[in-house]
Amino acid sequence: MIGFAILAFFQLVGWLIQRLTGLPLPANVIGLLLFIAALFLKWVPLHKVEETASFLLKYMSLFFVPVIVGSLAFFPYLREHWFVITGSGVISLLLPLLVTGWLVQSRIQARNNRQQKENAHVHRS
């Protein structure tokens, strides 16, 4: 029970920080970051929250049931616009992948060019 109280405390602190400061982060993310920091700083012993965290992770799929059931209300819309939804999903997957690959390749090429210039300069001297 103490583990759940610790987790709830960090959730509450995250909520308070978000409300008081207006940070553009969700309160649960702020609370989670604070909780992780407290674990690393040994302010919260892992053994106090380990059992509760394992229990919550074991049954985490139950937290998604309302979302899945709620999405069934949109099934006619999804059926009607499946092509646009699928297309935007594919584009949002491929576009960042291609841009990232292009950026990495350009950085590798720039590094290789810089090394070749440095090597050529060293050999001339």
N, C-alpha and C. Protein backbone atom coordinates (compact mmCIF):
# COMPACT_ATOMS: atom_id res chain seq x y z
N MET A 1 0.82 -1.20 0.00
CA MET A 1 0.00 0.00 0.00
C MET A 1 0.86 1.27 0.00
N ILE A 2 2.02 1.19 0.65
CA ILE A 2 2.91 2.35 0.70
C ILE A 2 3.43 2.68 -0.71
N GLY A 3 3.64 1.66 -1.53
CA GLY A 3 4.11 1.89 -2.90
C GLY A 3 3.11 2.68 -3.71
N PHE A 4 1.83 2.34 -3.57
CA PHE A 4 0.80 3.07 -4.29
C PHE A 4 0.72 4.52 -3.79
N ALA A 5 0.88 4.71 -2.49
CA ALA A 5 0.86 6.07 -1.94
C ALA A 5 2.02 6.89 -2.49
N ILE A 6 3.19 6.28 -2.63
CA ILE A 6 4.35 6.99 -3.17
C ILE A 6 4.09 7.39 -4.62
N LEU A 7 3.58 6.45 -5.41
CA LEU A 7 3.27 6.75 -6.81
C LEU A 7 2.21 7.84 -6.93
N ALA A 8 1.17 7.76 -6.09
CA ALA A 8 0.12 8.77 -6.11
C ALA A 8 0.67 10.13 -5.68
N PHE A 9 1.60 10.14 -4.72
CA PHE A 9 2.21 11.39 -4.27
C PHE A 9 2.93 12.08 -5.43
N PHE A 10 3.72 11.32 -6.19
CA PHE A 10 4.44 11.93 -7.31
C PHE A 10 3.48 12.39 -8.40
N GLN A 11 2.39 11.68 -8.59
CA GLN A 11 1.37 12.11 -9.54
C GLN A 11 0.77 13.44 -9.08
N LEU A 12 0.49 13.56 -7.79
CA LEU A 12 -0.07 14.80 -7.24
C LEU A 12 0.92 15.95 -7.35
N VAL A 13 2.18 15.70 -7.02
CA VAL A 13 3.20 16.74 -7.13
C VAL A 13 3.35 17.20 -8.58
N GLY A 14 3.32 16.27 -9.51
CA GLY A 14 3.38 16.63 -10.92
C GLY A 14 2.20 17.48 -11.33
N TRP A 15 1.03 17.14 -10.83
CA TRP A 15 -0.18 17.92 -11.13
C TRP A 15 -0.06 19.33 -10.57
N LEU A 16 0.42 19.42 -9.32
CA LEU A 16 0.57 20.73 -8.70
C LEU A 16 1.58 21.60 -9.45
N ILE A 17 2.70 21.02 -9.81
CA ILE A 17 3.72 21.77 -10.55
C ILE A 17 3.17 22.25 -11.89
N GLN A 18 2.45 21.37 -12.58
CA GLN A 18 1.89 21.75 -13.89
C GLN A 18 0.88 22.87 -13.73
N ARG A 19 0.03 22.80 -12.71
CA ARG A 19 -0.99 23.83 -12.51
C ARG A 19 -0.38 25.15 -12.08
N LEU A 20 0.60 25.09 -11.20
CA LEU A 20 1.17 26.32 -10.66
C LEU A 20 2.12 27.02 -11.63
N THR A 21 2.83 26.23 -12.43
CA THR A 21 3.81 26.84 -13.34
C THR A 21 3.30 26.99 -14.76
N GLY A 22 2.30 26.19 -15.13
CA GLY A 22 1.80 26.24 -16.50
C GLY A 22 2.73 25.60 -17.50
N LEU A 23 3.59 24.68 -17.04
CA LEU A 23 4.50 23.99 -17.95
C LEU A 23 3.70 23.28 -19.04
N PRO A 24 4.23 23.27 -20.26
CA PRO A 24 3.50 22.62 -21.35
C PRO A 24 3.73 21.11 -21.39
N LEU A 25 3.85 20.48 -20.23
CA LEU A 25 3.99 19.03 -20.11
C LEU A 25 2.81 18.49 -19.34
N PRO A 26 2.35 17.29 -19.68
CA PRO A 26 1.28 16.69 -18.88
C PRO A 26 1.76 16.45 -17.45
N ALA A 27 0.84 16.56 -16.52
CA ALA A 27 1.18 16.41 -15.11
C ALA A 27 1.76 15.04 -14.80
N ASN A 28 1.25 14.00 -15.45
CA ASN A 28 1.77 12.66 -15.18
C ASN A 28 3.20 12.51 -15.66
N VAL A 29 3.59 13.22 -16.71
CA VAL A 29 4.98 13.17 -17.19
C VAL A 29 5.88 13.88 -16.19
N ILE A 30 5.46 15.01 -15.69
CA ILE A 30 6.24 15.72 -14.68
C ILE A 30 6.41 14.85 -13.44
N GLY A 31 5.32 14.24 -12.99
CA GLY A 31 5.39 13.36 -11.83
C GLY A 31 6.31 12.18 -12.07
N LEU A 32 6.26 11.61 -13.27
CA LEU A 32 7.12 10.48 -13.60
C LEU A 32 8.59 10.89 -13.60
N LEU A 33 8.89 12.05 -14.16
CA LEU A 33 10.27 12.54 -14.16
C LEU A 33 10.77 12.77 -12.73
N LEU A 34 9.93 13.33 -11.89
CA LEU A 34 10.31 13.53 -10.49
C LEU A 34 10.51 12.20 -9.78
N PHE A 35 9.64 11.23 -10.08
CA PHE A 35 9.75 9.91 -9.47
C PHE A 35 11.06 9.23 -9.88
N ILE A 36 11.39 9.30 -11.16
CA ILE A 36 12.64 8.71 -11.64
C ILE A 36 13.84 9.39 -10.99
N ALA A 37 13.78 10.72 -10.87
CA ALA A 37 14.87 11.43 -10.21
C ALA A 37 14.99 10.99 -8.75
N ALA A 38 13.86 10.82 -8.07
CA ALA A 38 13.89 10.38 -6.68
C ALA A 38 14.45 8.97 -6.56
N LEU A 39 14.16 8.11 -7.53
CA LEU A 39 14.74 6.76 -7.51
C LEU A 39 16.25 6.82 -7.69
N PHE A 40 16.71 7.61 -8.65
CA PHE A 40 18.15 7.71 -8.90
C PHE A 40 18.90 8.33 -7.73
N LEU A 41 18.25 9.29 -7.07
CA LEU A 41 18.89 9.95 -5.93
C LEU A 41 18.74 9.15 -4.64
N LYS A 42 18.09 7.99 -4.74
CA LYS A 42 17.87 7.09 -3.59
C LYS A 42 16.99 7.72 -2.52
N TRP A 43 16.15 8.70 -2.91
CA TRP A 43 15.19 9.27 -1.97
C TRP A 43 14.04 8.31 -1.75
N VAL A 44 13.73 7.53 -2.79
CA VAL A 44 12.69 6.50 -2.72
C VAL A 44 13.37 5.16 -2.94
N PRO A 45 13.31 4.27 -1.95
CA PRO A 45 13.90 2.94 -2.15
C PRO A 45 13.07 2.14 -3.14
N LEU A 46 13.74 1.48 -4.05
CA LEU A 46 13.06 0.73 -5.09
C LEU A 46 12.15 -0.35 -4.51
N HIS A 47 12.58 -1.00 -3.47
CA HIS A 47 11.78 -2.10 -2.91
C HIS A 47 10.43 -1.63 -2.37
N LYS A 48 10.30 -0.32 -2.08
CA LYS A 48 9.01 0.20 -1.57
C LYS A 48 7.96 0.29 -2.68
N VAL A 49 8.38 0.46 -3.93
CA VAL A 49 7.42 0.65 -5.02
C VAL A 49 7.43 -0.50 -6.02
N GLU A 50 8.36 -1.41 -5.88
CA GLU A 50 8.53 -2.46 -6.88
C GLU A 50 7.30 -3.36 -7.01
N GLU A 51 6.72 -3.76 -5.91
CA GLU A 51 5.56 -4.65 -5.95
C GLU A 51 4.34 -3.95 -6.57
N THR A 52 4.12 -2.71 -6.19
CA THR A 52 2.99 -1.95 -6.74
C THR A 52 3.19 -1.69 -8.23
N ALA A 53 4.41 -1.33 -8.63
CA ALA A 53 4.68 -1.07 -10.05
C ALA A 53 4.49 -2.34 -10.86
N SER A 54 4.93 -3.48 -10.34
CA SER A 54 4.74 -4.75 -11.05
C SER A 54 3.27 -5.07 -11.21
N PHE A 55 2.49 -4.83 -10.16
CA PHE A 55 1.05 -5.07 -10.24
C PHE A 55 0.40 -4.19 -11.29
N LEU A 56 0.74 -2.90 -11.29
CA LEU A 56 0.15 -1.98 -12.26
C LEU A 56 0.56 -2.34 -13.68
N LEU A 57 1.81 -2.71 -13.89
CA LEU A 57 2.26 -3.11 -15.22
C LEU A 57 1.57 -4.39 -15.69
N LYS A 58 1.33 -5.29 -14.75
CA LYS A 58 0.68 -6.56 -15.11
C LYS A 58 -0.72 -6.33 -15.66
N TYR A 59 -1.41 -5.36 -15.10
CA TYR A 59 -2.79 -5.11 -15.51
C TYR A 59 -2.95 -3.82 -16.32
N MET A 60 -1.86 -3.35 -16.91
CA MET A 60 -1.91 -2.10 -17.66
C MET A 60 -2.87 -2.16 -18.84
N SER A 61 -3.00 -3.31 -19.47
CA SER A 61 -3.88 -3.41 -20.64
C SER A 61 -5.32 -3.06 -20.28
N LEU A 62 -5.71 -3.24 -19.03
CA LEU A 62 -7.08 -2.88 -18.63
C LEU A 62 -7.31 -1.38 -18.70
N PHE A 63 -6.24 -0.60 -18.56
CA PHE A 63 -6.39 0.85 -18.64
C PHE A 63 -6.73 1.31 -20.05
N PHE A 64 -6.47 0.48 -21.05
CA PHE A 64 -6.73 0.85 -22.43
C PHE A 64 -8.11 0.41 -22.91
N VAL A 65 -8.83 -0.35 -22.12
CA VAL A 65 -10.16 -0.83 -22.52
C VAL A 65 -11.10 0.33 -22.82
N PRO A 66 -11.19 1.36 -21.98
CA PRO A 66 -12.10 2.47 -22.31
C PRO A 66 -11.75 3.15 -23.64
N VAL A 67 -10.48 3.27 -23.94
CA VAL A 67 -10.08 3.90 -25.20
C VAL A 67 -10.51 3.04 -26.38
N ILE A 68 -10.31 1.74 -26.27
CA ILE A 68 -10.68 0.85 -27.36
C ILE A 68 -12.19 0.83 -27.55
N VAL A 69 -12.92 0.74 -26.46
CA VAL A 69 -14.39 0.74 -26.55
C VAL A 69 -14.88 2.07 -27.11
N GLY A 70 -14.27 3.16 -26.67
CA GLY A 70 -14.66 4.47 -27.17
C GLY A 70 -14.38 4.61 -28.66
N SER A 71 -13.31 3.98 -29.14
CA SER A 71 -13.00 4.09 -30.56
C SER A 71 -14.01 3.34 -31.42
N LEU A 72 -14.73 2.38 -30.83
CA LEU A 72 -15.76 1.68 -31.60
C LEU A 72 -16.89 2.61 -32.01
N ALA A 73 -17.08 3.68 -31.26
CA ALA A 73 -18.09 4.67 -31.63
C ALA A 73 -17.73 5.35 -32.95
N PHE A 74 -16.44 5.39 -33.28
CA PHE A 74 -15.98 6.02 -34.50
C PHE A 74 -15.78 5.03 -35.63
N PHE A 75 -16.20 3.79 -35.45
CA PHE A 75 -15.98 2.77 -36.46
C PHE A 75 -16.56 3.15 -37.82
N PRO A 76 -17.79 3.68 -37.91
CA PRO A 76 -18.29 4.08 -39.24
C PRO A 76 -17.41 5.14 -39.90
N TYR A 77 -16.91 6.08 -39.11
CA TYR A 77 -16.01 7.11 -39.66
C TYR A 77 -14.71 6.48 -40.12
N LEU A 78 -14.16 5.57 -39.33
CA LEU A 78 -12.91 4.90 -39.69
C LEU A 78 -13.10 4.07 -40.96
N ARG A 79 -14.23 3.39 -41.07
CA ARG A 79 -14.50 2.58 -42.27
C ARG A 79 -14.62 3.46 -43.50
N GLU A 80 -15.23 4.62 -43.34
CA GLU A 80 -15.43 5.53 -44.47
C GLU A 80 -14.13 6.19 -44.92
N HIS A 81 -13.24 6.48 -43.98
CA HIS A 81 -12.02 7.23 -44.29
C HIS A 81 -10.75 6.41 -44.04
N TRP A 82 -10.83 5.11 -44.19
CA TRP A 82 -9.69 4.24 -43.88
C TRP A 82 -8.49 4.56 -44.76
N PHE A 83 -8.74 4.95 -46.01
CA PHE A 83 -7.62 5.22 -46.93
C PHE A 83 -6.82 6.43 -46.47
N VAL A 84 -7.51 7.49 -46.08
CA VAL A 84 -6.84 8.71 -45.62
C VAL A 84 -6.09 8.44 -44.32
N ILE A 85 -6.71 7.70 -43.41
CA ILE A 85 -6.09 7.38 -42.12
C ILE A 85 -4.85 6.52 -42.34
N THR A 86 -4.97 5.51 -43.17
CA THR A 86 -3.82 4.63 -43.45
C THR A 86 -2.73 5.40 -44.17
N GLY A 87 -3.12 6.22 -45.14
CA GLY A 87 -2.12 7.01 -45.88
C GLY A 87 -1.36 7.96 -44.98
N SER A 88 -2.08 8.64 -44.09
CA SER A 88 -1.39 9.57 -43.19
C SER A 88 -0.50 8.81 -42.22
N GLY A 89 -0.91 7.62 -41.81
CA GLY A 89 -0.05 6.81 -40.94
C GLY A 89 1.22 6.38 -41.64
N VAL A 90 1.10 5.97 -42.89
CA VAL A 90 2.28 5.54 -43.66
C VAL A 90 3.20 6.73 -43.91
N ILE A 91 2.63 7.87 -44.28
CA ILE A 91 3.44 9.06 -44.54
C ILE A 91 4.13 9.51 -43.25
N SER A 92 3.40 9.50 -42.13
CA SER A 92 4.02 9.95 -40.88
C SER A 92 5.07 8.96 -40.39
N LEU A 93 5.08 7.75 -40.90
CA LEU A 93 6.13 6.80 -40.59
C LEU A 93 7.32 6.98 -41.53
N LEU A 94 7.04 7.07 -42.83
CA LEU A 94 8.11 7.09 -43.82
C LEU A 94 8.84 8.43 -43.91
N LEU A 95 8.11 9.53 -43.81
CA LEU A 95 8.74 10.84 -43.97
C LEU A 95 9.83 11.09 -42.92
N PRO A 96 9.57 10.92 -41.63
CA PRO A 96 10.67 11.10 -40.66
C PRO A 96 11.80 10.10 -40.87
N LEU A 97 11.46 8.87 -41.27
CA LEU A 97 12.48 7.86 -41.52
C LEU A 97 13.40 8.29 -42.66
N LEU A 98 12.82 8.77 -43.75
CA LEU A 98 13.61 9.21 -44.90
C LEU A 98 14.43 10.46 -44.58
N VAL A 99 13.82 11.41 -43.90
CA VAL A 99 14.54 12.65 -43.55
C VAL A 99 15.70 12.33 -42.61
N THR A 100 15.47 11.47 -41.63
CA THR A 100 16.54 11.09 -40.71
C THR A 100 17.66 10.38 -41.44
N GLY A 101 17.32 9.46 -42.32
CA GLY A 101 18.34 8.77 -43.11
C GLY A 101 19.14 9.72 -43.98
N TRP A 102 18.45 10.67 -44.61
CA TRP A 102 19.14 11.65 -45.44
C TRP A 102 20.08 12.51 -44.61
N LEU A 103 19.61 12.96 -43.42
CA LEU A 103 20.46 13.78 -42.55
C LEU A 103 21.68 13.01 -42.07
N VAL A 104 21.50 11.76 -41.69
CA VAL A 104 22.63 10.96 -41.23
C VAL A 104 23.64 10.77 -42.36
N GLN A 105 23.15 10.45 -43.55
CA GLN A 105 24.04 10.27 -44.69
C GLN A 105 24.80 11.56 -45.02
N SER A 106 24.12 12.69 -44.95
CA SER A 106 24.80 13.95 -45.26
C SER A 106 25.85 14.27 -44.20
N ARG A 107 25.56 13.98 -42.94
CA ARG A 107 26.55 14.22 -41.88
C ARG A 107 27.75 13.29 -42.03
N ILE A 108 27.50 12.04 -42.39
CA ILE A 108 28.60 11.10 -42.61
C ILE A 108 29.46 11.56 -43.78
N GLN A 109 28.82 12.00 -44.86
CA GLN A 109 29.55 12.48 -46.04
C GLN A 109 30.36 13.72 -45.70
N ALA A 110 29.78 14.63 -44.92
CA ALA A 110 30.50 15.85 -44.53
C ALA A 110 31.70 15.50 -43.66
N ARG A 111 31.55 14.56 -42.76
CA ARG A 111 32.67 14.14 -41.92
C ARG A 111 33.77 13.49 -42.75
N ASN A 112 33.38 12.63 -43.68
CA ASN A 112 34.37 11.99 -44.55
C ASN A 112 35.11 13.02 -45.40
N ASN A 113 34.39 14.00 -45.94
CA ASN A 113 35.03 15.06 -46.73
C ASN A 113 36.01 15.87 -45.88
N ARG A 114 35.60 16.17 -44.64
CA ARG A 114 36.47 16.93 -43.75
C ARG A 114 37.74 16.14 -43.42
N GLN A 115 37.58 14.83 -43.18
CA GLN A 115 38.75 13.99 -42.89
C GLN A 115 39.67 13.88 -44.09
N GLN A 116 39.10 13.79 -45.30
CA GLN A 116 39.93 13.72 -46.50
C GLN A 116 40.72 15.01 -46.70
N LYS A 117 40.09 16.16 -46.44
CA LYS A 117 40.77 17.44 -46.56
C LYS A 117 41.89 17.55 -45.53
N GLU A 118 41.63 17.09 -44.31
CA GLU A 118 42.66 17.13 -43.27
C GLU A 118 43.82 16.21 -43.62
N ASN A 119 43.51 15.02 -44.13
CA ASN A 119 44.56 14.08 -44.53
C ASN A 119 45.38 14.63 -45.69
N ALA A 120 44.72 15.26 -46.65
CA ALA A 120 45.42 15.83 -47.79
C ALA A 120 46.32 16.98 -47.34
N HIS A 121 45.85 17.76 -46.41
CA HIS A 121 46.63 18.89 -45.89
C HIS A 121 47.84 18.39 -45.11
N VAL A 122 47.69 17.31 -44.36
CA VAL A 122 48.80 16.76 -43.58
C VAL A 122 49.85 16.17 -44.50
N HIS A 123 49.46 15.49 -45.57
CA HIS A 123 50.40 14.86 -46.49
C HIS A 123 51.16 15.89 -47.34
N ARG A 124 50.59 17.04 -47.60
CA ARG A 124 51.25 18.07 -48.40
C ARG A 124 52.38 18.73 -47.61
N SER A 125 52.23 18.83 -46.32
CA SER A 125 53.21 19.55 -45.50
C SER A 125 54.51 18.85 -45.37
